[in-house]
Amino acid sequence: MNPASLIIGAAQGRLIELPGRMGNRHGLIAGATGTGKTVTLQVLAELFEQLPEVGDPPVPKLVLFFDEAHLLFANAPAPLLEKIEQVVRLIRSKGVGVYFVTQNPTDLPETILGQLGLKIQHALRAFTPKDQRTIKAVADGFRPNPAFDTAQTLTELGIGEALVSVLDKNGRPTPVERTLISPPEGQIGPLPPESRDALFGRSPLKGKYDQTVDRESAYEMLKVRTETARAAAEEQAEARRREKEMAVRISLGRPRQSIGEAMAKSAARTIGSQIGRQIIRGVLGAIFGGASRR
């Protein structure tokens, strides 16, 4: 996906609906687990590298929401954490806002929490000593408000209530406030097919990502390479096996000597050796005998 497609229509204030294959049931980029982490890293990296500097615009060009953000950081590789920290720290100057949505803010790395300017915290319940420590840690992350105790208020918030802290015009966190949150105007549950088709029909990205592209994956490439190497090894083993069989057949195909032939050759060797010894004795005797007579 081209990251520039995410900000098409932003000048008109239009909400871009991502294609169904790139969104989950919440309509968000599926970046929490598995291959989604790699996709998230790629999108963030390309946005950071391709978008121009725009300073501090009053309204961001693009806003990214990461739902169930604790899954995004669970067992995340160090390059992903470093890239997210860099993006959260610097991408505001490129007109992009990043929101992390999670039930417990302590699930996020402190380096990420320290870069967030807007904090909206709904109620937390303390059932165990660990829960109490979590509530204290969350409360300490807000700028105190003398009007109420932040930790106690966290456990008293009702439905639709939240503690909110934002940045003032000088970039400083404001004291935490207890406020009511307007209910969302979206639909709870999956959209019916006709509604999704209507949204896609109005999208500026209509026709760009409609065609499914099934590219050859790294797994498929490695699988083909492995199968090719295995086939070559099997062919070499089969060739060696055939060579051994041929050598055995050649050795078995040589004519064997019969018992009579073996006995005849042995007798000839014996006779030849006896006659040879007699001839040598005669020759040597004649030589040495003649010499003595002289």
C-alpha atoms as a PDB file:
ATOM      1  CA  MET A   1       0.000   0.000   0.000  1.00  0.00           C
ATOM      2  CA  ASN A   2       1.172   3.516  -0.788  1.00  0.00           C
ATOM      3  CA  PRO A   3       1.083   5.536   2.473  1.00  0.00           C
ATOM      4  CA  ALA A   4       0.317   8.682   0.519  1.00  0.00           C
ATOM      5  CA  SER A   5      -3.104   7.170  -0.212  1.00  0.00           C
ATOM      6  CA  LEU A   6      -3.979   7.559   3.469  1.00  0.00           C
ATOM      7  CA  ILE A   7      -4.084  11.337   3.259  1.00  0.00           C
ATOM      8  CA  ILE A   8      -6.047  11.670   0.014  1.00  0.00           C
ATOM      9  CA  GLY A   9      -9.011  13.935   0.597  1.00  0.00           C
ATOM     10  CA  ALA A  10      -7.692  15.291   3.892  1.00  0.00           C
ATOM     11  CA  ALA A  11      -7.866  18.842   2.563  1.00  0.00           C
ATOM     12  CA  GLN A  12     -11.658  18.465   2.333  1.00  0.00           C
ATOM     13  CA  GLY A  13     -11.837  16.952   5.817  1.00  0.00           C
ATOM     14  CA  ARG A  14     -12.999  13.626   4.436  1.00  0.00           C
ATOM     15  CA  LEU A  15     -12.633  10.421   6.401  1.00  0.00           C
ATOM     16  CA  ILE A  16     -10.782   7.815   4.372  1.00  0.00           C
ATOM     17  CA  GLU A  17     -12.219   4.315   4.717  1.00  0.00           C
ATOM     18  CA  LEU A  18      -9.485   1.765   4.245  1.00  0.00           C
ATOM     19  CA  PRO A  19     -10.200  -1.180   1.922  1.00  0.00           C
ATOM     20  CA  GLY A  20     -11.719  -4.163   3.667  1.00  0.00           C
ATOM     21  CA  ARG A  21      -8.652  -6.344   3.120  1.00  0.00           C
ATOM     22  CA  MET A  22      -6.521  -3.836   5.069  1.00  0.00           C
ATOM     23  CA  GLY A  23      -8.913  -3.281   7.957  1.00  0.00           C
ATOM     24  CA  ASN A  24     -10.174  -5.431  10.782  1.00  0.00           C
ATOM     25  CA  ARG A  25     -13.662  -5.508  12.241  1.00  0.00           C
ATOM     26  CA  HIS A  26     -13.013  -2.135  13.904  1.00  0.00           C
ATOM     27  CA  GLY A  27     -12.082  -0.534  10.573  1.00  0.00           C
ATOM     28  CA  LEU A  28      -8.484  -0.094  11.731  1.00  0.00           C
ATOM     29  CA  ILE A  29      -5.185  -1.223  10.302  1.00  0.00           C
ATOM     30  CA  ALA A  30      -4.552  -4.747  11.517  1.00  0.00           C
ATOM     31  CA  GLY A  31      -1.190  -4.091  13.110  1.00  0.00           C
ATOM     32  CA  ALA A  32      -1.434  -5.814  16.476  1.00  0.00           C
ATOM     33  CA  THR A  33      -0.008  -9.249  15.935  1.00  0.00           C
ATOM     34  CA  GLY A  34       1.962 -11.412  13.555  1.00  0.00           C
ATOM     35  CA  THR A  35       2.652  -9.989  10.118  1.00  0.00           C
ATOM     36  CA  GLY A  36       0.697  -6.859  11.074  1.00  0.00           C
ATOM     37  CA  LYS A  37       3.685  -5.654  13.114  1.00  0.00           C
ATOM     38  CA  THR A  38       5.832  -5.708  10.013  1.00  0.00           C
ATOM     39  CA  VAL A  39       3.143  -3.842   8.056  1.00  0.00           C
ATOM     40  CA  THR A  40       2.836  -1.279  10.851  1.00  0.00           C
ATOM     41  CA  LEU A  41       6.568  -0.691  10.865  1.00  0.00           C
ATOM     42  CA  GLN A  42       6.583  -0.280   7.089  1.00  0.00           C
ATOM     43  CA  VAL A  43       3.670   2.203   7.065  1.00  0.00           C
ATOM     44  CA  LEU A  44       5.153   4.281   9.887  1.00  0.00           C
ATOM     45  CA  ALA A  45       8.598   4.296   8.296  1.00  0.00           C
ATOM     46  CA  GLU A  46       7.312   5.329   4.872  1.00  0.00           C
ATOM     47  CA  LEU A  47       5.050   8.030   6.314  1.00  0.00           C
ATOM     48  CA  PHE A  48       7.930   9.457   8.296  1.00  0.00           C
ATOM     49  CA  GLU A  49      10.288   9.422   5.305  1.00  0.00           C
ATOM     50  CA  GLN A  50       7.900  10.581   2.558  1.00  0.00           C
ATOM     51  CA  LEU A  51       5.733  13.259   4.168  1.00  0.00           C
ATOM     52  CA  PRO A  52       7.101  16.815   4.079  1.00  0.00           C
ATOM     53  CA  GLU A  53       7.602  19.011   7.125  1.00  0.00           C
ATOM     54  CA  VAL A  54       4.579  21.244   7.753  1.00  0.00           C
ATOM     55  CA  GLY A  55       5.395  22.662  11.173  1.00  0.00           C
ATOM     56  CA  ASP A  56       2.539  22.629  13.704  1.00  0.00           C
ATOM     57  CA  PRO A  57      -0.751  22.634  11.760  1.00  0.00           C
ATOM     58  CA  PRO A  58      -3.974  23.297  13.698  1.00  0.00           C
ATOM     59  CA  VAL A  59      -5.520  20.122  12.295  1.00  0.00           C
ATOM     60  CA  PRO A  60      -3.509  17.009  11.405  1.00  0.00           C
ATOM     61  CA  LYS A  61      -3.567  15.685   7.856  1.00  0.00           C
ATOM     62  CA  LEU A  62      -3.723  12.097   9.024  1.00  0.00           C
ATOM     63  CA  VAL A  63      -4.604  10.405  12.298  1.00  0.00           C
ATOM     64  CA  LEU A  64      -3.651   6.804  13.048  1.00  0.00           C
ATOM     65  CA  PHE A  65      -5.519   4.830  15.729  1.00  0.00           C
ATOM     66  CA  PHE A  66      -3.924   1.638  17.058  1.00  0.00           C
ATOM     67  CA  ASP A  67      -6.589  -0.358  18.863  1.00  0.00           C
ATOM     68  CA  GLU A  68      -5.522  -3.019  21.392  1.00  0.00           C
ATOM     69  CA  ALA A  69      -2.128  -1.307  21.375  1.00  0.00           C
ATOM     70  CA  HIS A  70      -0.760  -3.567  24.119  1.00  0.00           C
ATOM     71  CA  LEU A  71      -0.721  -6.391  21.551  1.00  0.00           C
ATOM     72  CA  LEU A  72       1.325  -4.221  19.237  1.00  0.00           C
ATOM     73  CA  PHE A  73       4.096  -3.899  21.818  1.00  0.00           C
ATOM     74  CA  ALA A  74       3.950  -7.447  23.181  1.00  0.00           C
ATOM     75  CA  ASN A  75       7.184  -9.217  22.198  1.00  0.00           C
ATOM     76  CA  ALA A  76       7.794  -6.463  19.657  1.00  0.00           C
ATOM     77  CA  PRO A  77      11.297  -6.356  18.150  1.00  0.00           C
ATOM     78  CA  ALA A  78      13.579  -3.509  19.150  1.00  0.00           C
ATOM     79  CA  PRO A  79      13.548  -1.890  15.649  1.00  0.00           C
ATOM     80  CA  LEU A  80       9.747  -1.570  15.821  1.00  0.00           C
ATOM     81  CA  LEU A  81       9.839   0.053  19.255  1.00  0.00           C
ATOM     82  CA  GLU A  82      12.568   2.462  18.172  1.00  0.00           C
ATOM     83  CA  LYS A  83      10.669   3.409  15.019  1.00  0.00           C
ATOM     84  CA  ILE A  84       7.392   3.991  16.870  1.00  0.00           C
ATOM     85  CA  GLU A  85       9.167   6.125  19.469  1.00  0.00           C
ATOM     86  CA  GLN A  86      10.819   8.158  16.709  1.00  0.00           C
ATOM     87  CA  VAL A  87       7.535   8.600  14.848  1.00  0.00           C
ATOM     88  CA  VAL A  88       5.554   9.589  17.936  1.00  0.00           C
ATOM     89  CA  ARG A  89       8.244  12.124  18.865  1.00  0.00           C
ATOM     90  CA  LEU A  90       8.811  13.714  15.456  1.00  0.00           C
ATOM     91  CA  ILE A  91       5.901  12.998  13.133  1.00  0.00           C
ATOM     92  CA  ARG A  92       3.716  15.754  14.602  1.00  0.00           C
ATOM     93  CA  SER A  93       5.728  18.207  12.532  1.00  0.00           C
ATOM     94  CA  LYS A  94       4.560  16.332   9.434  1.00  0.00           C
ATOM     95  CA  GLY A  95       0.874  16.729  10.240  1.00  0.00           C
ATOM     96  CA  VAL A  96       0.238  13.205  11.541  1.00  0.00           C
ATOM     97  CA  GLY A  97      -1.373  12.261  14.848  1.00  0.00           C
ATOM     98  CA  VAL A  98      -0.935   8.868  16.493  1.00  0.00           C
ATOM     99  CA  TYR A  99      -3.373   7.435  19.047  1.00  0.00           C
ATOM    100  CA  PHE A 100      -2.870   4.270  21.087  1.00  0.00           C
ATOM    101  CA  VAL A 101      -5.997   2.623  22.461  1.00  0.00           C
ATOM    102  CA  THR A 102      -5.579   0.119  25.299  1.00  0.00           C
ATOM    103  CA  GLN A 103      -7.297  -0.802  28.541  1.00  0.00           C
ATOM    104  CA  ASN A 104      -4.241  -0.386  30.744  1.00  0.00           C
ATOM    105  CA  PRO A 105      -1.717   2.331  29.895  1.00  0.00           C
ATOM    106  CA  THR A 106       1.036   0.532  31.820  1.00  0.00           C
ATOM    107  CA  ASP A 107       1.049  -2.060  29.029  1.00  0.00           C
ATOM    108  CA  LEU A 108       2.745   0.526  26.797  1.00  0.00           C
ATOM    109  CA  PRO A 109       6.484   1.222  26.996  1.00  0.00           C
ATOM    110  CA  GLU A 110       7.382   4.245  29.120  1.00  0.00           C
ATOM    111  CA  THR A 111       9.296   5.752  26.194  1.00  0.00           C
ATOM    112  CA  ILE A 112       6.009   5.827  24.256  1.00  0.00           C
ATOM    113  CA  LEU A 113       3.890   7.068  27.160  1.00  0.00           C
ATOM    114  CA  GLY A 114       6.298   9.923  27.712  1.00  0.00           C
ATOM    115  CA  GLN A 115       5.649  11.238  24.178  1.00  0.00           C
ATOM    116  CA  LEU A 116       1.845  11.348  24.409  1.00  0.00           C
ATOM    117  CA  GLY A 117       0.279  14.787  24.801  1.00  0.00           C
ATOM    118  CA  LEU A 118      -3.385  13.742  25.065  1.00  0.00           C
ATOM    119  CA  LYS A 119      -4.448  11.245  27.714  1.00  0.00           C
ATOM    120  CA  ILE A 120      -7.979   9.918  28.133  1.00  0.00           C
ATOM    121  CA  GLN A 121      -8.347   7.398  30.955  1.00  0.00           C
ATOM    122  CA  HIS A 122     -11.586   5.569  31.722  1.00  0.00           C
ATOM    123  CA  ALA A 123     -12.338   3.812  34.988  1.00  0.00           C
ATOM    124  CA  LEU A 124      -9.964   1.283  36.511  1.00  0.00           C
ATOM    125  CA  ARG A 125     -10.997  -1.221  39.178  1.00  0.00           C
ATOM    126  CA  ALA A 126      -8.756  -2.475  41.977  1.00  0.00           C
ATOM    127  CA  PHE A 127      -9.378  -6.122  42.885  1.00  0.00           C
ATOM    128  CA  THR A 128      -5.826  -7.116  43.772  1.00  0.00           C
ATOM    129  CA  PRO A 129      -2.716  -5.433  45.218  1.00  0.00           C
ATOM    130  CA  LYS A 130      -1.292  -5.399  41.703  1.00  0.00           C
ATOM    131  CA  ASP A 131      -4.358  -3.486  40.489  1.00  0.00           C
ATOM    132  CA  GLN A 132      -3.833  -0.918  43.250  1.00  0.00           C
ATOM    133  CA  ARG A 133      -0.214  -0.395  42.184  1.00  0.00           C
ATOM    134  CA  THR A 134      -1.377   0.008  38.590  1.00  0.00           C
ATOM    135  CA  ILE A 135      -3.931   2.648  39.563  1.00  0.00           C
ATOM    136  CA  LYS A 136      -1.294   4.577  41.492  1.00  0.00           C
ATOM    137  CA  ALA A 137       1.081   4.429  38.516  1.00  0.00           C
ATOM    138  CA  VAL A 138      -1.641   5.678  36.157  1.00  0.00           C
ATOM    139  CA  ALA A 139      -2.592   8.484  38.514  1.00  0.00           C
ATOM    140  CA  ASP A 140       1.030   9.572  38.863  1.00  0.00           C
ATOM    141  CA  GLY A 141       1.159   9.940  35.066  1.00  0.00           C
ATOM    142  CA  PHE A 142      -1.298  12.870  35.215  1.00  0.00           C
ATOM    143  CA  ARG A 143      -0.588  16.392  36.338  1.00  0.00           C
ATOM    144  CA  PRO A 144      -2.393  16.616  39.700  1.00  0.00           C
ATOM    145  CA  ASN A 145      -5.597  18.593  40.133  1.00  0.00           C
ATOM    146  CA  PRO A 146      -6.042  20.057  43.630  1.00  0.00           C
ATOM    147  CA  ALA A 147      -9.821  19.635  43.316  1.00  0.00           C
ATOM    148  CA  PHE A 148      -9.782  15.833  43.675  1.00  0.00           C
ATOM    149  CA  ASP A 149      -7.611  12.804  44.325  1.00  0.00           C
ATOM    150  CA  THR A 150      -6.692  11.310  40.948  1.00  0.00           C
ATOM    151  CA  ALA A 151      -6.135   7.733  42.156  1.00  0.00           C
ATOM    152  CA  GLN A 152      -9.438   7.606  44.045  1.00  0.00           C
ATOM    153  CA  THR A 153     -11.349   9.216  41.194  1.00  0.00           C
ATOM    154  CA  LEU A 154     -10.056   6.559  38.772  1.00  0.00           C
ATOM    155  CA  THR A 155     -11.933   3.897  40.721  1.00  0.00           C
ATOM    156  CA  GLU A 156     -15.125   6.004  40.958  1.00  0.00           C
ATOM    157  CA  LEU A 157     -15.592   6.904  37.282  1.00  0.00           C
ATOM    158  CA  GLY A 158     -18.894   5.768  35.819  1.00  0.00           C
ATOM    159  CA  ILE A 159     -19.988   4.875  32.313  1.00  0.00           C
ATOM    160  CA  GLY A 160     -19.106   7.657  29.884  1.00  0.00           C
ATOM    161  CA  GLU A 161     -16.756   9.375  32.325  1.00  0.00           C
ATOM    162  CA  ALA A 162     -13.006   9.753  31.953  1.00  0.00           C
ATOM    163  CA  LEU A 163      -9.995  11.636  33.242  1.00  0.00           C
ATOM    164  CA  VAL A 164      -8.540  13.853  30.514  1.00  0.00           C
ATOM    165  CA  SER A 165      -5.296  15.778  30.194  1.00  0.00           C
ATOM    166  CA  VAL A 166      -4.163  17.744  27.134  1.00  0.00           C
ATOM    167  CA  LEU A 167      -1.329  20.097  26.207  1.00  0.00           C
ATOM    168  CA  ASP A 168      -1.801  23.822  26.557  1.00  0.00           C
ATOM    169  CA  LYS A 169      -0.666  26.350  23.958  1.00  0.00           C
ATOM    170  CA  ASN A 170       2.843  26.254  25.401  1.00  0.00           C
ATOM    171  CA  GLY A 171       3.068  22.466  25.132  1.00  0.00           C
ATOM    172  CA  ARG A 172       2.654  21.819  28.884  1.00  0.00           C
ATOM    173  CA  PRO A 173       0.279  19.138  30.244  1.00  0.00           C
ATOM    174  CA  THR A 174      -2.841  20.635  31.780  1.00  0.00           C
ATOM    175  CA  PRO A 175      -4.091  19.475  35.183  1.00  0.00           C
ATOM    176  CA  VAL A 176      -6.222  16.375  34.890  1.00  0.00           C
ATOM    177  CA  GLU A 177      -9.974  16.954  34.640  1.00  0.00           C
ATOM    178  CA  ARG A 178     -12.942  14.680  35.240  1.00  0.00           C
ATOM    179  CA  THR A 179     -15.268  14.926  32.270  1.00  0.00           C
ATOM    180  CA  LEU A 180     -18.017  13.215  30.321  1.00  0.00           C
ATOM    181  CA  ILE A 181     -17.208  11.658  26.946  1.00  0.00           C
ATOM    182  CA  SER A 182     -19.711  12.026  24.108  1.00  0.00           C
ATOM    183  CA  PRO A 183     -20.906   8.621  22.891  1.00  0.00           C
ATOM    184  CA  PRO A 184     -19.528   7.609  19.495  1.00  0.00           C
ATOM    185  CA  GLU A 185     -21.739   8.206  16.500  1.00  0.00           C
ATOM    186  CA  GLY A 186     -20.504   5.118  14.707  1.00  0.00           C
ATOM    187  CA  GLN A 187     -22.194   1.761  14.458  1.00  0.00           C
ATOM    188  CA  ILE A 188     -21.575  -0.923  17.055  1.00  0.00           C
ATOM    189  CA  GLY A 189     -20.853  -4.166  15.259  1.00  0.00           C
ATOM    190  CA  PRO A 190     -19.799  -5.034  11.721  1.00  0.00           C
ATOM    191  CA  LEU A 191     -21.215  -3.042   8.831  1.00  0.00           C
ATOM    192  CA  PRO A 192     -23.599  -4.829   6.489  1.00  0.00           C
ATOM    193  CA  PRO A 193     -22.222  -5.432   2.982  1.00  0.00           C
ATOM    194  CA  GLU A 194     -24.367  -2.716   1.383  1.00  0.00           C
ATOM    195  CA  SER A 195     -23.072  -0.084   3.840  1.00  0.00           C
ATOM    196  CA  ARG A 196     -19.479  -1.095   3.208  1.00  0.00           C
ATOM    197  CA  ASP A 197     -20.046  -0.953  -0.533  1.00  0.00           C
ATOM    198  CA  ALA A 198     -21.526   2.533  -0.176  1.00  0.00           C
ATOM    199  CA  LEU A 199     -18.494   3.723   1.833  1.00  0.00           C
ATOM    200  CA  PHE A 200     -16.069   2.238  -0.655  1.00  0.00           C
ATOM    201  CA  GLY A 201     -18.020   3.804  -3.498  1.00  0.00           C
ATOM    202  CA  ARG A 202     -17.553   7.272  -1.989  1.00  0.00           C
ATOM    203  CA  SER A 203     -13.905   6.723  -1.115  1.00  0.00           C
ATOM    204  CA  PRO A 204     -11.218   8.615  -3.071  1.00  0.00           C
ATOM    205  CA  LEU A 205      -9.344   5.294  -3.151  1.00  0.00           C
ATOM    206  CA  LYS A 206     -12.098   3.572  -5.080  1.00  0.00           C
ATOM    207  CA  GLY A 207     -10.602   1.324  -7.739  1.00  0.00           C
ATOM    208  CA  LYS A 208      -7.043   1.611  -6.428  1.00  0.00           C
ATOM    209  CA  TYR A 209      -7.076  -1.391  -4.098  1.00  0.00           C
ATOM    210  CA  ASP A 210     -10.090  -3.312  -5.412  1.00  0.00           C
ATOM    211  CA  GLN A 211      -8.021  -5.872  -7.294  1.00  0.00           C
ATOM    212  CA  THR A 212      -6.480  -8.581  -5.152  1.00  0.00           C
ATOM    213  CA  VAL A 213      -2.752  -8.957  -5.832  1.00  0.00           C
ATOM    214  CA  ASP A 214      -1.335 -12.284  -4.703  1.00  0.00           C
ATOM    215  CA  ARG A 215       2.397 -11.658  -4.837  1.00  0.00           C
ATOM    216  CA  GLU A 216       4.897 -14.427  -4.321  1.00  0.00           C
ATOM    217  CA  SER A 217       5.777 -14.358  -0.645  1.00  0.00           C
ATOM    218  CA  ALA A 218       9.172 -14.960   0.931  1.00  0.00           C
ATOM    219  CA  TYR A 219       7.825 -18.233   2.323  1.00  0.00           C
ATOM    220  CA  GLU A 220       6.891 -19.414  -1.145  1.00  0.00           C
ATOM    221  CA  MET A 221      10.302 -18.398  -2.546  1.00  0.00           C
ATOM    222  CA  LEU A 222      12.144 -20.243   0.216  1.00  0.00           C
ATOM    223  CA  LYS A 223       9.890 -23.248  -0.225  1.00  0.00           C
ATOM    224  CA  VAL A 224      10.681 -23.457  -3.953  1.00  0.00           C
ATOM    225  CA  ARG A 225      14.398 -23.051  -3.237  1.00  0.00           C
ATOM    226  CA  THR A 226      14.288 -25.804  -0.608  1.00  0.00           C
ATOM    227  CA  GLU A 227      12.363 -28.192  -2.868  1.00  0.00           C
ATOM    228  CA  THR A 228      14.810 -27.541  -5.734  1.00  0.00           C
ATOM    229  CA  ALA A 229      17.798 -28.280  -3.500  1.00  0.00           C
ATOM    230  CA  ARG A 230      16.112 -31.425  -2.176  1.00  0.00           C
ATOM    231  CA  ALA A 231      15.349 -32.638  -5.693  1.00  0.00           C
ATOM    232  CA  ALA A 232      18.978 -32.053  -6.765  1.00  0.00           C
ATOM    233  CA  ALA A 233      20.254 -33.963  -3.735  1.00  0.00           C
ATOM    234  CA  GLU A 234      17.909 -36.853  -4.489  1.00  0.00           C
ATOM    235  CA  GLU A 235      19.094 -36.953  -8.115  1.00  0.00           C
ATOM    236  CA  GLN A 236      22.731 -37.060  -7.006  1.00  0.00           C
ATOM    237  CA  ALA A 237      21.980 -39.844  -4.524  1.00  0.00           C
ATOM    238  CA  GLU A 238      20.154 -41.798  -7.230  1.00  0.00           C
ATOM    239  CA  ALA A 239      23.090 -41.351  -9.637  1.00  0.00           C
ATOM    240  CA  ARG A 240      25.536 -42.659  -7.014  1.00  0.00           C
ATOM    241  CA  ARG A 241      23.263 -45.612  -6.332  1.00  0.00           C
ATOM    242  CA  ARG A 242      23.121 -46.482 -10.040  1.00  0.00           C
ATOM    243  CA  GLU A 243      26.922 -46.263 -10.296  1.00  0.00           C
ATOM    244  CA  LYS A 244      27.314 -48.664  -7.385  1.00  0.00           C
ATOM    245  CA  GLU A 245      24.833 -51.095  -8.927  1.00  0.00           C
ATOM    246  CA  MET A 246      26.685 -50.983 -12.241  1.00  0.00           C
ATOM    247  CA  ALA A 247      30.011 -51.654 -10.525  1.00  0.00           C
ATOM    248  CA  VAL A 248      28.528 -54.649  -8.711  1.00  0.00           C
ATOM    249  CA  ARG A 249      27.057 -56.027 -11.939  1.00  0.00           C
ATOM    250  CA  ILE A 250      30.425 -55.706 -13.733  1.00  0.00           C
ATOM    251  CA  SER A 251      32.251 -57.496 -10.933  1.00  0.00           C
ATOM    252  CA  LEU A 252      29.660 -60.252 -10.873  1.00  0.00           C
ATOM    253  CA  GLY A 253      29.768 -60.571 -14.675  1.00  0.00           C
ATOM    254  CA  ARG A 254      33.470 -61.626 -14.851  1.00  0.00           C
ATOM    255  CA  PRO A 255      33.919 -65.412 -15.747  1.00  0.00           C
ATOM    256  CA  ARG A 256      34.886 -67.544 -12.781  1.00  0.00           C
ATOM    257  CA  GLN A 257      37.494 -70.323 -12.986  1.00  0.00           C
ATOM    258  CA  SER A 258      36.302 -73.903 -12.706  1.00  0.00           C
ATOM    259  CA  ILE A 259      37.875 -76.314 -10.225  1.00  0.00           C
ATOM    260  CA  GLY A 260      39.720 -78.139 -13.038  1.00  0.00           C
ATOM    261  CA  GLU A 261      41.145 -74.944 -14.451  1.00  0.00           C
ATOM    262  CA  ALA A 262      42.306 -73.876 -11.046  1.00  0.00           C
ATOM    263  CA  MET A 263      43.998 -77.258 -10.443  1.00  0.00           C
ATOM    264  CA  ALA A 264      45.639 -77.212 -13.886  1.00  0.00           C
ATOM    265  CA  LYS A 265      47.041 -73.721 -13.338  1.00  0.00           C
ATOM    266  CA  SER A 266      48.310 -74.687  -9.897  1.00  0.00           C
ATOM    267  CA  ALA A 267      49.992 -77.843 -11.296  1.00  0.00           C
ATOM    268  CA  ALA A 268      51.573 -75.869 -14.143  1.00  0.00           C
ATOM    269  CA  ARG A 269      52.965 -73.400 -11.694  1.00  0.00           C
ATOM    270  CA  THR A 270      54.355 -76.233  -9.553  1.00  0.00           C
ATOM    271  CA  ILE A 271      55.900 -78.090 -12.508  1.00  0.00           C
ATOM    272  CA  GLY A 272      57.294 -74.899 -13.908  1.00  0.00           C
ATOM    273  CA  SER A 273      58.919 -74.084 -10.620  1.00  0.00           C
ATOM    274  CA  GLN A 274      60.439 -77.595 -10.281  1.00  0.00           C
ATOM    275  CA  ILE A 275      61.817 -77.643 -13.833  1.00  0.00           C
ATOM    276  CA  GLY A 276      63.181 -74.166 -13.353  1.00  0.00           C
ATOM    277  CA  ARG A 277      65.015 -75.219 -10.206  1.00  0.00           C
ATOM    278  CA  GLN A 278      66.505 -78.284 -11.953  1.00  0.00           C
ATOM    279  CA  ILE A 279      67.702 -76.187 -14.887  1.00  0.00           C
ATOM    280  CA  ILE A 280      69.319 -73.682 -12.572  1.00  0.00           C
ATOM    281  CA  ARG A 281      71.021 -76.470 -10.627  1.00  0.00           C
ATOM    282  CA  GLY A 282      72.355 -77.995 -13.864  1.00  0.00           C
ATOM    283  CA  VAL A 283      73.633 -74.725 -15.173  1.00  0.00           C
ATOM    284  CA  LEU A 284      75.252 -73.756 -11.922  1.00  0.00           C
ATOM    285  CA  GLY A 285      76.717 -77.242 -11.477  1.00  0.00           C
ATOM    286  CA  ALA A 286      78.249 -77.191 -14.914  1.00  0.00           C
ATOM    287  CA  ILE A 287      79.768 -73.800 -14.303  1.00  0.00           C
ATOM    288  CA  PHE A 288      81.221 -74.523 -10.890  1.00  0.00           C
ATOM    289  CA  GLY A 289      82.191 -78.131 -11.802  1.00  0.00           C
ATOM    290  CA  GLY A 290      84.228 -77.021 -14.831  1.00  0.00           C
ATOM    291  CA  ALA A 291      85.992 -74.443 -12.800  1.00  0.00           C
ATOM    292  CA  SER A 292      87.091 -77.000 -10.161  1.00  0.00           C
ATOM    293  CA  ARG A 293      88.511 -79.349 -12.805  1.00  0.00           C
ATOM    294  CA  ARG A 294      90.701 -76.597 -14.094  1.00  0.00           C
END
